[in-house]
Amino acid sequence: MVCFARYVLGLGFLCLSANIFGADRFPERPVRMIVPFSAGGTLDIVARVLAQDLSSYWGQSVVVDNRVGAGGNIGNELAAQAAPDGHTLLANTAALTIAPSVYKKLSFDPLRDFVPISKVGFSPAVILVHESVRVNSISELIALAKAQPGKLNYGSSGIGGSVHLAMELFKSVAKVDITHIPYKGAAPAMSELMGGQIQVLLNAMGTGLALAKSGKVKVLAVTTAQRSPFAPDVPAVAESGAPYEFSYWYGIFAPSKTPRAIVTQLNADVTKVLETPATRKRLAAQGVTPVGNSLAQFAAEVKNEVRTWAEVVKASKIQPE
């Protein structure tokens, strides 16, 4: 009887040891980081910076896998259906939290099928106007839009995208009527702004500041709560009195059934890497402010964004596709 008890205890110890040492070995093989948008965009660049530095930290390759299509939903679906063992991650933006409000049928739910690991960073957007628009501040733009409701127009990269919804949120906060003109991508919208076919555009700060150097467009404001350290001379929208805030954020997610121990380790490792000077410098070169927050903080932000964008879509009367 004593021998049997020792045998059972021994088995229990071996199982416990396997669990402990198994967790210590994570990741056991290369990790795939799915990016649901094309290579070369800011999300892709941020993901590659993080992947490279996590590879060095873990001693395992982290491979960025661009899976493009359906507004990011192809990559999202692939990540949601992946084995929940921490070896498949998803890098995404507000597009993930917008999707339920602008698509009628999705095979995934951002709150049910993903665990938010950490916000990697954020970058401001800027509001631009064509040089022919006789305003030099957000206050003046709001005043002009109120004086001529519906006559000004703004471009976006497509219906239901983050730029479209960010501008609809601005219209709601500022109580103005500016006509939306969707394009098939950001590049055509920027080209039309440069040519004066549209008057207003919200764009990533780095690209927006570069466009302004042409002299054909003017930067009115950054969309973060305070001025950006990357452009300290550009006022924030909030300085006009409009309580508006929007930024492009970049985050890491795992499939929802990933074991808690691995989720906790992923959060700790990602935040640790984001604290290193080399990583912060590389992200800053892209105009991205590193974050690295807790599991609870990021989960709360994601949940709040899903609710916020649903309200914006409803108020804007955008019809789900």
C-alpha atoms as a PDB file:
ATOM      1  CA  MET A   1       0.000   0.000   0.000  1.00  0.00           C
ATOM      2  CA  VAL A   2       2.862   2.321   0.880  1.00  0.00           C
ATOM      3  CA  CYS A   3       4.591   1.534  -2.391  1.00  0.00           C
ATOM      4  CA  PHE A   4       1.399   2.256  -4.344  1.00  0.00           C
ATOM      5  CA  ALA A   5       0.988   5.598  -2.567  1.00  0.00           C
ATOM      6  CA  ARG A   6       4.583   6.495  -3.360  1.00  0.00           C
ATOM      7  CA  TYR A   7       3.962   5.512  -6.987  1.00  0.00           C
ATOM      8  CA  VAL A   8       0.903   7.779  -7.211  1.00  0.00           C
ATOM      9  CA  LEU A   9       2.738  10.657  -5.529  1.00  0.00           C
ATOM     10  CA  GLY A  10       5.625  10.132  -7.893  1.00  0.00           C
ATOM     11  CA  LEU A  11       3.336  10.348 -10.913  1.00  0.00           C
ATOM     12  CA  GLY A  12       1.785  13.516  -9.522  1.00  0.00           C
ATOM     13  CA  PHE A  13       5.215  15.085  -9.054  1.00  0.00           C
ATOM     14  CA  LEU A  14       6.225  14.162 -12.602  1.00  0.00           C
ATOM     15  CA  CYS A  15       3.040  15.741 -14.031  1.00  0.00           C
ATOM     16  CA  LEU A  16       3.515  18.875 -11.964  1.00  0.00           C
ATOM     17  CA  SER A  17       7.156  19.084 -13.035  1.00  0.00           C
ATOM     18  CA  ALA A  18       6.184  18.671 -16.671  1.00  0.00           C
ATOM     19  CA  ASN A  19       3.678  21.526 -16.374  1.00  0.00           C
ATOM     20  CA  ILE A  20       6.181  23.789 -14.678  1.00  0.00           C
ATOM     21  CA  PHE A  21       9.042  23.082 -17.049  1.00  0.00           C
ATOM     22  CA  GLY A  22       6.704  23.132 -20.052  1.00  0.00           C
ATOM     23  CA  ALA A  23       5.686  26.697 -19.148  1.00  0.00           C
ATOM     24  CA  ASP A  24       9.339  27.621 -18.703  1.00  0.00           C
ATOM     25  CA  ARG A  25      10.128  26.404 -22.209  1.00  0.00           C
ATOM     26  CA  PHE A  26       7.528  28.586 -23.924  1.00  0.00           C
ATOM     27  CA  PRO A  27       7.856  29.198 -26.760  1.00  0.00           C
ATOM     28  CA  GLU A  28       8.915  25.694 -27.759  1.00  0.00           C
ATOM     29  CA  ARG A  29       9.030  26.447 -31.488  1.00  0.00           C
ATOM     30  CA  PRO A  30       8.806  29.442 -33.854  1.00  0.00           C
ATOM     31  CA  VAL A  31       5.916  31.837 -33.205  1.00  0.00           C
ATOM     32  CA  ARG A  32       3.721  33.149 -36.006  1.00  0.00           C
ATOM     33  CA  MET A  33       2.523  36.755 -35.713  1.00  0.00           C
ATOM     34  CA  ILE A  34      -0.366  37.334 -38.118  1.00  0.00           C
ATOM     35  CA  VAL A  35      -0.704  40.847 -39.548  1.00  0.00           C
ATOM     36  CA  PRO A  36      -4.061  41.168 -41.356  1.00  0.00           C
ATOM     37  CA  PHE A  37      -2.872  44.024 -43.579  1.00  0.00           C
ATOM     38  CA  SER A  38      -0.256  44.447 -46.284  1.00  0.00           C
ATOM     39  CA  ALA A  39       3.469  44.791 -45.708  1.00  0.00           C
ATOM     40  CA  GLY A  40       4.893  48.287 -45.401  1.00  0.00           C
ATOM     41  CA  GLY A  41       2.114  49.887 -43.352  1.00  0.00           C
ATOM     42  CA  THR A  42       2.717  51.146 -39.835  1.00  0.00           C
ATOM     43  CA  LEU A  43       1.117  48.079 -38.210  1.00  0.00           C
ATOM     44  CA  ASP A  44       3.362  45.807 -40.265  1.00  0.00           C
ATOM     45  CA  ILE A  45       6.457  47.811 -39.307  1.00  0.00           C
ATOM     46  CA  VAL A  46       5.514  47.823 -35.610  1.00  0.00           C
ATOM     47  CA  ALA A  47       4.872  44.059 -35.733  1.00  0.00           C
ATOM     48  CA  ARG A  48       8.259  43.431 -37.351  1.00  0.00           C
ATOM     49  CA  VAL A  49      10.084  45.525 -34.746  1.00  0.00           C
ATOM     50  CA  LEU A  50       8.399  43.579 -31.957  1.00  0.00           C
ATOM     51  CA  ALA A  51       8.874  40.226 -33.703  1.00  0.00           C
ATOM     52  CA  GLN A  52      12.595  40.795 -34.161  1.00  0.00           C
ATOM     53  CA  ASP A  53      13.136  41.817 -30.554  1.00  0.00           C
ATOM     54  CA  LEU A  54      10.981  38.995 -29.151  1.00  0.00           C
ATOM     55  CA  SER A  55      12.980  36.556 -31.291  1.00  0.00           C
ATOM     56  CA  SER A  56      16.159  37.746 -29.615  1.00  0.00           C
ATOM     57  CA  TYR A  57      14.572  37.649 -26.161  1.00  0.00           C
ATOM     58  CA  TRP A  58      13.051  34.172 -26.538  1.00  0.00           C
ATOM     59  CA  GLY A  59      15.744  32.555 -28.642  1.00  0.00           C
ATOM     60  CA  GLN A  60      12.979  31.426 -31.013  1.00  0.00           C
ATOM     61  CA  SER A  61      12.001  32.897 -34.369  1.00  0.00           C
ATOM     62  CA  VAL A  62       8.916  35.115 -34.504  1.00  0.00           C
ATOM     63  CA  VAL A  63       7.694  35.185 -38.103  1.00  0.00           C
ATOM     64  CA  VAL A  64       5.381  37.917 -39.384  1.00  0.00           C
ATOM     65  CA  ASP A  65       2.678  36.471 -41.623  1.00  0.00           C
ATOM     66  CA  ASN A  66       0.741  39.047 -43.686  1.00  0.00           C
ATOM     67  CA  ARG A  67      -2.743  37.709 -44.410  1.00  0.00           C
ATOM     68  CA  VAL A  68      -4.536  40.433 -46.345  1.00  0.00           C
ATOM     69  CA  GLY A  69      -8.182  40.762 -47.323  1.00  0.00           C
ATOM     70  CA  ALA A  70     -11.741  41.652 -46.315  1.00  0.00           C
ATOM     71  CA  GLY A  71     -10.705  44.651 -44.256  1.00  0.00           C
ATOM     72  CA  GLY A  72      -8.429  42.522 -42.107  1.00  0.00           C
ATOM     73  CA  ASN A  73     -11.035  39.857 -41.433  1.00  0.00           C
ATOM     74  CA  ILE A  74      -9.200  37.053 -43.246  1.00  0.00           C
ATOM     75  CA  GLY A  75      -6.225  37.390 -40.920  1.00  0.00           C
ATOM     76  CA  ASN A  76      -8.471  37.836 -37.902  1.00  0.00           C
ATOM     77  CA  GLU A  77     -10.365  34.637 -38.695  1.00  0.00           C
ATOM     78  CA  LEU A  78      -7.153  32.710 -39.195  1.00  0.00           C
ATOM     79  CA  ALA A  79      -5.818  33.868 -35.830  1.00  0.00           C
ATOM     80  CA  ALA A  80      -9.097  33.128 -34.032  1.00  0.00           C
ATOM     81  CA  GLN A  81      -9.055  29.543 -35.338  1.00  0.00           C
ATOM     82  CA  ALA A  82      -5.390  28.900 -34.535  1.00  0.00           C
ATOM     83  CA  ALA A  83      -4.294  26.479 -31.834  1.00  0.00           C
ATOM     84  CA  PRO A  84      -4.536  28.343 -28.506  1.00  0.00           C
ATOM     85  CA  ASP A  85      -1.014  27.571 -27.336  1.00  0.00           C
ATOM     86  CA  GLY A  86       0.659  30.970 -27.662  1.00  0.00           C
ATOM     87  CA  HIS A  87       2.513  30.085 -30.851  1.00  0.00           C
ATOM     88  CA  THR A  88       0.095  32.078 -33.032  1.00  0.00           C
ATOM     89  CA  LEU A  89      -0.465  35.744 -32.227  1.00  0.00           C
ATOM     90  CA  LEU A  90      -2.401  38.517 -33.946  1.00  0.00           C
ATOM     91  CA  ALA A  91      -1.121  42.063 -34.381  1.00  0.00           C
ATOM     92  CA  ASN A  92      -3.963  44.467 -35.033  1.00  0.00           C
ATOM     93  CA  THR A  93      -5.383  47.949 -34.693  1.00  0.00           C
ATOM     94  CA  ALA A  94      -8.796  49.537 -34.089  1.00  0.00           C
ATOM     95  CA  ALA A  95      -9.907  47.653 -37.215  1.00  0.00           C
ATOM     96  CA  LEU A  96     -10.517  44.624 -34.973  1.00  0.00           C
ATOM     97  CA  THR A  97     -12.844  46.552 -32.657  1.00  0.00           C
ATOM     98  CA  ILE A  98     -14.655  48.242 -35.561  1.00  0.00           C
ATOM     99  CA  ALA A  99     -15.346  45.028 -37.507  1.00  0.00           C
ATOM    100  CA  PRO A 100     -18.448  43.840 -35.565  1.00  0.00           C
ATOM    101  CA  SER A 101     -20.227  47.107 -36.307  1.00  0.00           C
ATOM    102  CA  VAL A 102     -19.532  47.315 -40.036  1.00  0.00           C
ATOM    103  CA  TYR A 103     -19.798  43.672 -41.153  1.00  0.00           C
ATOM    104  CA  LYS A 104     -23.055  41.732 -40.893  1.00  0.00           C
ATOM    105  CA  LYS A 105     -21.478  38.294 -40.821  1.00  0.00           C
ATOM    106  CA  LEU A 106     -18.226  37.550 -39.027  1.00  0.00           C
ATOM    107  CA  SER A 107     -16.858  34.162 -38.081  1.00  0.00           C
ATOM    108  CA  PHE A 108     -15.173  35.675 -35.026  1.00  0.00           C
ATOM    109  CA  ASP A 109     -15.976  38.036 -32.184  1.00  0.00           C
ATOM    110  CA  PRO A 110     -13.148  40.302 -30.955  1.00  0.00           C
ATOM    111  CA  LEU A 111     -14.254  40.001 -27.329  1.00  0.00           C
ATOM    112  CA  ARG A 112     -15.123  36.296 -27.339  1.00  0.00           C
ATOM    113  CA  ASP A 113     -12.387  34.857 -29.559  1.00  0.00           C
ATOM    114  CA  PHE A 114      -9.305  36.846 -28.558  1.00  0.00           C
ATOM    115  CA  VAL A 115      -7.351  37.604 -25.421  1.00  0.00           C
ATOM    116  CA  PRO A 116      -5.809  41.103 -25.527  1.00  0.00           C
ATOM    117  CA  ILE A 117      -2.136  40.673 -24.568  1.00  0.00           C
ATOM    118  CA  SER A 118      -0.830  44.250 -24.611  1.00  0.00           C
ATOM    119  CA  LYS A 119      -1.056  47.528 -26.419  1.00  0.00           C
ATOM    120  CA  VAL A 120       2.298  47.899 -28.151  1.00  0.00           C
ATOM    121  CA  GLY A 121       2.043  51.609 -28.862  1.00  0.00           C
ATOM    122  CA  PHE A 122       0.103  54.395 -30.474  1.00  0.00           C
ATOM    123  CA  SER A 123       0.658  57.179 -32.960  1.00  0.00           C
ATOM    124  CA  PRO A 124      -1.334  60.364 -33.463  1.00  0.00           C
ATOM    125  CA  ALA A 125      -3.290  61.268 -36.520  1.00  0.00           C
ATOM    126  CA  VAL A 126      -3.423  64.775 -37.952  1.00  0.00           C
ATOM    127  CA  ILE A 127      -6.264  66.698 -39.559  1.00  0.00           C
ATOM    128  CA  LEU A 128      -5.223  68.230 -42.861  1.00  0.00           C
ATOM    129  CA  VAL A 129      -6.887  70.704 -45.203  1.00  0.00           C
ATOM    130  CA  HIS A 130      -6.079  71.731 -48.764  1.00  0.00           C
ATOM    131  CA  GLU A 131      -4.291  75.068 -49.068  1.00  0.00           C
ATOM    132  CA  SER A 132      -7.366  76.610 -50.719  1.00  0.00           C
ATOM    133  CA  VAL A 133      -9.412  76.195 -47.522  1.00  0.00           C
ATOM    134  CA  ARG A 134      -9.067  79.503 -45.729  1.00  0.00           C
ATOM    135  CA  VAL A 135      -8.667  78.207 -42.215  1.00  0.00           C
ATOM    136  CA  ASN A 136      -5.569  77.817 -40.060  1.00  0.00           C
ATOM    137  CA  SER A 137      -6.946  76.105 -36.980  1.00  0.00           C
ATOM    138  CA  ILE A 138      -9.498  73.540 -35.922  1.00  0.00           C
ATOM    139  CA  SER A 139     -11.649  76.293 -34.431  1.00  0.00           C
ATOM    140  CA  GLU A 140     -11.755  78.041 -37.798  1.00  0.00           C
ATOM    141  CA  LEU A 141     -12.518  74.751 -39.581  1.00  0.00           C
ATOM    142  CA  ILE A 142     -15.434  74.081 -37.234  1.00  0.00           C
ATOM    143  CA  ALA A 143     -16.743  77.625 -37.730  1.00  0.00           C
ATOM    144  CA  LEU A 144     -16.528  77.295 -41.532  1.00  0.00           C
ATOM    145  CA  ALA A 145     -18.247  73.904 -41.506  1.00  0.00           C
ATOM    146  CA  LYS A 146     -21.072  75.299 -39.374  1.00  0.00           C
ATOM    147  CA  ALA A 147     -21.463  78.282 -41.694  1.00  0.00           C
ATOM    148  CA  GLN A 148     -21.563  76.024 -44.771  1.00  0.00           C
ATOM    149  CA  PRO A 149     -23.102  72.709 -43.670  1.00  0.00           C
ATOM    150  CA  GLY A 150     -22.431  69.861 -46.078  1.00  0.00           C
ATOM    151  CA  LYS A 151     -20.298  71.934 -48.470  1.00  0.00           C
ATOM    152  CA  LEU A 152     -16.910  70.820 -47.176  1.00  0.00           C
ATOM    153  CA  ASN A 153     -15.935  67.231 -47.834  1.00  0.00           C
ATOM    154  CA  TYR A 154     -13.423  64.792 -46.409  1.00  0.00           C
ATOM    155  CA  GLY A 155     -11.873  61.658 -47.840  1.00  0.00           C
ATOM    156  CA  SER A 156     -11.219  58.262 -46.320  1.00  0.00           C
ATOM    157  CA  SER A 157      -9.703  54.940 -47.285  1.00  0.00           C
ATOM    158  CA  GLY A 158     -13.163  53.348 -47.416  1.00  0.00           C
ATOM    159  CA  ILE A 159     -16.550  53.023 -45.768  1.00  0.00           C
ATOM    160  CA  GLY A 160     -16.328  51.661 -42.238  1.00  0.00           C
ATOM    161  CA  GLY A 161     -12.575  52.080 -41.949  1.00  0.00           C
ATOM    162  CA  SER A 162     -10.860  53.731 -38.997  1.00  0.00           C
ATOM    163  CA  VAL A 163     -10.421  57.057 -40.826  1.00  0.00           C
ATOM    164  CA  HIS A 164     -14.093  57.162 -41.791  1.00  0.00           C
ATOM    165  CA  LEU A 165     -15.254  56.459 -38.247  1.00  0.00           C
ATOM    166  CA  ALA A 166     -12.675  58.784 -36.688  1.00  0.00           C
ATOM    167  CA  MET A 167     -13.968  61.651 -38.823  1.00  0.00           C
ATOM    168  CA  GLU A 168     -17.576  60.755 -38.071  1.00  0.00           C
ATOM    169  CA  LEU A 169     -16.678  60.912 -34.377  1.00  0.00           C
ATOM    170  CA  PHE A 170     -15.093  64.328 -34.951  1.00  0.00           C
ATOM    171  CA  LYS A 171     -18.249  65.543 -36.726  1.00  0.00           C
ATOM    172  CA  SER A 172     -20.357  64.341 -33.823  1.00  0.00           C
ATOM    173  CA  VAL A 173     -18.174  66.000 -31.183  1.00  0.00           C
ATOM    174  CA  ALA A 174     -17.801  69.264 -33.137  1.00  0.00           C
ATOM    175  CA  LYS A 175     -21.455  69.210 -34.242  1.00  0.00           C
ATOM    176  CA  VAL A 176     -20.637  69.857 -37.895  1.00  0.00           C
ATOM    177  CA  ASP A 177     -21.779  68.448 -41.233  1.00  0.00           C
ATOM    178  CA  ILE A 178     -18.897  67.523 -43.559  1.00  0.00           C
ATOM    179  CA  THR A 179     -19.588  65.218 -46.522  1.00  0.00           C
ATOM    180  CA  HIS A 180     -17.794  61.878 -46.676  1.00  0.00           C
ATOM    181  CA  ILE A 181     -16.121  60.737 -49.901  1.00  0.00           C
ATOM    182  CA  PRO A 182     -14.742  57.178 -49.666  1.00  0.00           C
ATOM    183  CA  TYR A 183     -11.810  55.944 -51.748  1.00  0.00           C
ATOM    184  CA  LYS A 184     -10.306  52.527 -52.309  1.00  0.00           C
ATOM    185  CA  GLY A 185      -7.331  53.046 -50.046  1.00  0.00           C
ATOM    186  CA  ALA A 186      -5.413  55.826 -48.341  1.00  0.00           C
ATOM    187  CA  ALA A 187      -3.211  56.693 -51.322  1.00  0.00           C
ATOM    188  CA  PRO A 188      -6.057  57.855 -53.622  1.00  0.00           C
ATOM    189  CA  ALA A 189      -7.514  59.961 -50.812  1.00  0.00           C
ATOM    190  CA  MET A 190      -4.161  61.667 -50.223  1.00  0.00           C
ATOM    191  CA  SER A 191      -3.771  62.279 -53.952  1.00  0.00           C
ATOM    192  CA  GLU A 192      -7.218  63.873 -54.139  1.00  0.00           C
ATOM    193  CA  LEU A 193      -6.425  66.107 -51.164  1.00  0.00           C
ATOM    194  CA  MET A 194      -3.208  67.241 -52.843  1.00  0.00           C
ATOM    195  CA  GLY A 195      -5.191  68.016 -55.992  1.00  0.00           C
ATOM    196  CA  GLY A 196      -7.895  69.902 -54.118  1.00  0.00           C
ATOM    197  CA  GLN A 197     -10.714  67.520 -55.044  1.00  0.00           C
ATOM    198  CA  ILE A 198     -11.380  67.048 -51.332  1.00  0.00           C
ATOM    199  CA  GLN A 199     -10.801  69.677 -48.661  1.00  0.00           C
ATOM    200  CA  VAL A 200     -10.228  67.701 -45.459  1.00  0.00           C
ATOM    201  CA  LEU A 201      -8.378  64.494 -44.569  1.00  0.00           C
ATOM    202  CA  LEU A 202      -7.427  62.714 -41.360  1.00  0.00           C
ATOM    203  CA  ASN A 203      -4.163  60.857 -41.780  1.00  0.00           C
ATOM    204  CA  ALA A 204      -1.295  59.287 -39.869  1.00  0.00           C
ATOM    205  CA  MET A 205       0.939  61.987 -38.468  1.00  0.00           C
ATOM    206  CA  GLY A 206       4.142  60.936 -40.247  1.00  0.00           C
ATOM    207  CA  THR A 207       2.477  60.850 -43.648  1.00  0.00           C
ATOM    208  CA  GLY A 208       0.494  64.006 -42.944  1.00  0.00           C
ATOM    209  CA  LEU A 209       3.543  66.039 -41.985  1.00  0.00           C
ATOM    210  CA  ALA A 210       5.315  64.819 -45.122  1.00  0.00           C
ATOM    211  CA  LEU A 211       2.367  65.928 -47.273  1.00  0.00           C
ATOM    212  CA  ALA A 212       2.409  69.345 -45.633  1.00  0.00           C
ATOM    213  CA  LYS A 213       5.991  69.908 -46.800  1.00  0.00           C
ATOM    214  CA  SER A 214       4.657  70.138 -50.353  1.00  0.00           C
ATOM    215  CA  GLY A 215       2.913  73.394 -49.414  1.00  0.00           C
ATOM    216  CA  LYS A 216      -0.337  72.162 -50.944  1.00  0.00           C
ATOM    217  CA  VAL A 217      -1.897  71.069 -47.656  1.00  0.00           C
ATOM    218  CA  LYS A 218      -1.958  72.486 -44.142  1.00  0.00           C
ATOM    219  CA  VAL A 219      -1.765  70.599 -40.855  1.00  0.00           C
ATOM    220  CA  LEU A 220      -4.353  71.976 -38.441  1.00  0.00           C
ATOM    221  CA  ALA A 221      -4.011  69.703 -35.428  1.00  0.00           C
ATOM    222  CA  VAL A 222      -2.999  66.363 -33.966  1.00  0.00           C
ATOM    223  CA  THR A 223      -5.827  64.195 -32.704  1.00  0.00           C
ATOM    224  CA  THR A 224      -4.332  63.101 -29.388  1.00  0.00           C
ATOM    225  CA  ALA A 225      -5.338  64.669 -26.056  1.00  0.00           C
ATOM    226  CA  GLN A 226      -2.083  66.624 -25.838  1.00  0.00           C
ATOM    227  CA  ARG A 227       0.459  67.808 -28.354  1.00  0.00           C
ATOM    228  CA  SER A 228       2.727  65.108 -29.692  1.00  0.00           C
ATOM    229  CA  PRO A 229       6.450  65.138 -28.821  1.00  0.00           C
ATOM    230  CA  PHE A 230       7.023  64.268 -32.480  1.00  0.00           C
ATOM    231  CA  ALA A 231       5.387  67.554 -33.599  1.00  0.00           C
ATOM    232  CA  PRO A 232       5.327  69.914 -30.600  1.00  0.00           C
ATOM    233  CA  ASP A 233       4.404  72.948 -32.717  1.00  0.00           C
ATOM    234  CA  VAL A 234       1.141  71.403 -33.916  1.00  0.00           C
ATOM    235  CA  PRO A 235      -1.780  72.030 -31.531  1.00  0.00           C
ATOM    236  CA  ALA A 236      -4.081  69.262 -30.319  1.00  0.00           C
ATOM    237  CA  VAL A 237      -7.732  69.275 -31.408  1.00  0.00           C
ATOM    238  CA  ALA A 238      -8.725  69.551 -27.745  1.00  0.00           C
ATOM    239  CA  GLU A 239      -7.112  72.997 -27.597  1.00  0.00           C
ATOM    240  CA  SER A 240      -9.979  74.235 -29.760  1.00  0.00           C
ATOM    241  CA  GLY A 241     -12.443  73.275 -27.051  1.00  0.00           C
ATOM    242  CA  ALA A 242     -13.740  70.177 -28.870  1.00  0.00           C
ATOM    243  CA  PRO A 243     -13.280  67.163 -26.546  1.00  0.00           C
ATOM    244  CA  TYR A 244     -12.037  64.936 -29.351  1.00  0.00           C
ATOM    245  CA  GLU A 245      -9.354  62.285 -29.211  1.00  0.00           C
ATOM    246  CA  PHE A 246      -8.270  59.611 -31.670  1.00  0.00           C
ATOM    247  CA  SER A 247      -5.013  57.774 -32.253  1.00  0.00           C
ATOM    248  CA  TYR A 248      -3.857  54.785 -34.202  1.00  0.00           C
ATOM    249  CA  TRP A 249      -3.033  52.039 -31.724  1.00  0.00           C
ATOM    250  CA  TYR A 250      -1.228  48.767 -32.275  1.00  0.00           C
ATOM    251  CA  GLY A 251      -1.805  45.714 -30.103  1.00  0.00           C
ATOM    252  CA  ILE A 252      -1.077  42.015 -29.715  1.00  0.00           C
ATOM    253  CA  PHE A 253      -3.771  39.363 -29.243  1.00  0.00           C
ATOM    254  CA  ALA A 254      -3.887  35.583 -28.716  1.00  0.00           C
ATOM    255  CA  PRO A 255      -6.678  33.056 -29.344  1.00  0.00           C
ATOM    256  CA  SER A 256      -9.137  33.105 -26.452  1.00  0.00           C
ATOM    257  CA  LYS A 257      -8.456  29.633 -25.028  1.00  0.00           C
ATOM    258  CA  THR A 258      -4.724  30.196 -24.655  1.00  0.00           C
ATOM    259  CA  PRO A 259      -3.708  28.997 -21.155  1.00  0.00           C
ATOM    260  CA  ARG A 260      -3.567  31.756 -18.559  1.00  0.00           C
ATOM    261  CA  ALA A 261       0.051  30.996 -17.690  1.00  0.00           C
ATOM    262  CA  ILE A 262       1.114  31.568 -21.303  1.00  0.00           C
ATOM    263  CA  VAL A 263      -1.052  34.696 -21.606  1.00  0.00           C
ATOM    264  CA  THR A 264       0.582  36.105 -18.482  1.00  0.00           C
ATOM    265  CA  GLN A 265       4.048  35.288 -19.799  1.00  0.00           C
ATOM    266  CA  LEU A 266       3.276  36.850 -23.177  1.00  0.00           C
ATOM    267  CA  ASN A 267       2.180  40.069 -21.496  1.00  0.00           C
ATOM    268  CA  ALA A 268       5.286  40.138 -19.280  1.00  0.00           C
ATOM    269  CA  ASP A 269       7.649  39.420 -22.178  1.00  0.00           C
ATOM    270  CA  VAL A 270       6.063  41.922 -24.570  1.00  0.00           C
ATOM    271  CA  THR A 271       6.070  44.689 -21.962  1.00  0.00           C
ATOM    272  CA  LYS A 272       9.658  43.871 -21.008  1.00  0.00           C
ATOM    273  CA  VAL A 273      10.803  44.113 -24.624  1.00  0.00           C
ATOM    274  CA  LEU A 274       8.935  47.413 -25.019  1.00  0.00           C
ATOM    275  CA  GLU A 275      10.924  48.843 -22.104  1.00  0.00           C
ATOM    276  CA  THR A 276      14.273  48.348 -23.830  1.00  0.00           C
ATOM    277  CA  PRO A 277      15.873  51.515 -25.264  1.00  0.00           C
ATOM    278  CA  ALA A 278      16.596  49.868 -28.627  1.00  0.00           C
ATOM    279  CA  THR A 279      12.958  48.860 -29.183  1.00  0.00           C
ATOM    280  CA  ARG A 280      11.650  52.232 -28.043  1.00  0.00           C
ATOM    281  CA  LYS A 281      14.043  54.012 -30.389  1.00  0.00           C
ATOM    282  CA  ARG A 282      12.981  51.919 -33.372  1.00  0.00           C
ATOM    283  CA  LEU A 283       9.297  52.529 -32.677  1.00  0.00           C
ATOM    284  CA  ALA A 284       9.859  56.244 -32.114  1.00  0.00           C
ATOM    285  CA  ALA A 285      11.475  56.414 -35.568  1.00  0.00           C
ATOM    286  CA  GLN A 286       8.038  55.464 -36.911  1.00  0.00           C
ATOM    287  CA  GLY A 287       6.279  58.114 -34.813  1.00  0.00           C
ATOM    288  CA  VAL A 288       4.977  55.436 -32.448  1.00  0.00           C
ATOM    289  CA  THR A 289       4.936  55.958 -28.673  1.00  0.00           C
ATOM    290  CA  PRO A 290       5.539  52.590 -26.939  1.00  0.00           C
ATOM    291  CA  VAL A 291       3.032  51.522 -24.276  1.00  0.00           C
ATOM    292  CA  GLY A 292       3.104  47.996 -22.864  1.00  0.00           C
ATOM    293  CA  ASN A 293       0.138  47.901 -20.475  1.00  0.00           C
ATOM    294  CA  SER A 294      -1.403  45.197 -18.266  1.00  0.00           C
ATOM    295  CA  LEU A 295      -3.784  42.475 -19.385  1.00  0.00           C
ATOM    296  CA  ALA A 296      -6.655  44.119 -17.525  1.00  0.00           C
ATOM    297  CA  GLN A 297      -5.912  47.582 -18.896  1.00  0.00           C
ATOM    298  CA  PHE A 298      -5.749  46.482 -22.501  1.00  0.00           C
ATOM    299  CA  ALA A 299      -8.837  44.266 -22.186  1.00  0.00           C
ATOM    300  CA  ALA A 300     -10.818  47.206 -20.790  1.00  0.00           C
ATOM    301  CA  GLU A 301      -9.657  49.465 -23.636  1.00  0.00           C
ATOM    302  CA  VAL A 302     -10.639  46.916 -26.286  1.00  0.00           C
ATOM    303  CA  LYS A 303     -14.076  46.405 -24.726  1.00  0.00           C
ATOM    304  CA  ASN A 304     -14.641  50.155 -24.548  1.00  0.00           C
ATOM    305  CA  GLU A 305     -13.610  50.619 -28.199  1.00  0.00           C
ATOM    306  CA  VAL A 306     -16.051  47.978 -29.429  1.00  0.00           C
ATOM    307  CA  ARG A 307     -18.836  49.864 -27.663  1.00  0.00           C
ATOM    308  CA  THR A 308     -17.660  53.306 -28.834  1.00  0.00           C
ATOM    309  CA  TRP A 309     -17.411  52.357 -32.512  1.00  0.00           C
ATOM    310  CA  ALA A 310     -20.805  50.652 -32.390  1.00  0.00           C
ATOM    311  CA  GLU A 311     -22.295  53.931 -31.181  1.00  0.00           C
ATOM    312  CA  VAL A 312     -20.477  55.917 -33.886  1.00  0.00           C
ATOM    313  CA  VAL A 313     -21.662  53.544 -36.636  1.00  0.00           C
ATOM    314  CA  LYS A 314     -25.236  53.739 -35.389  1.00  0.00           C
ATOM    315  CA  ALA A 315     -25.196  57.530 -35.087  1.00  0.00           C
ATOM    316  CA  SER A 316     -23.651  57.875 -38.556  1.00  0.00           C
ATOM    317  CA  LYS A 317     -26.237  55.514 -40.059  1.00  0.00           C
ATOM    318  CA  ILE A 318     -23.520  53.446 -41.714  1.00  0.00           C
ATOM    319  CA  GLN A 319     -25.034  50.292 -43.187  1.00  0.00           C
ATOM    320  CA  PRO A 320     -23.092  47.108 -42.308  1.00  0.00           C
ATOM    321  CA  GLU A 321     -21.700  45.292 -45.328  1.00  0.00           C
END
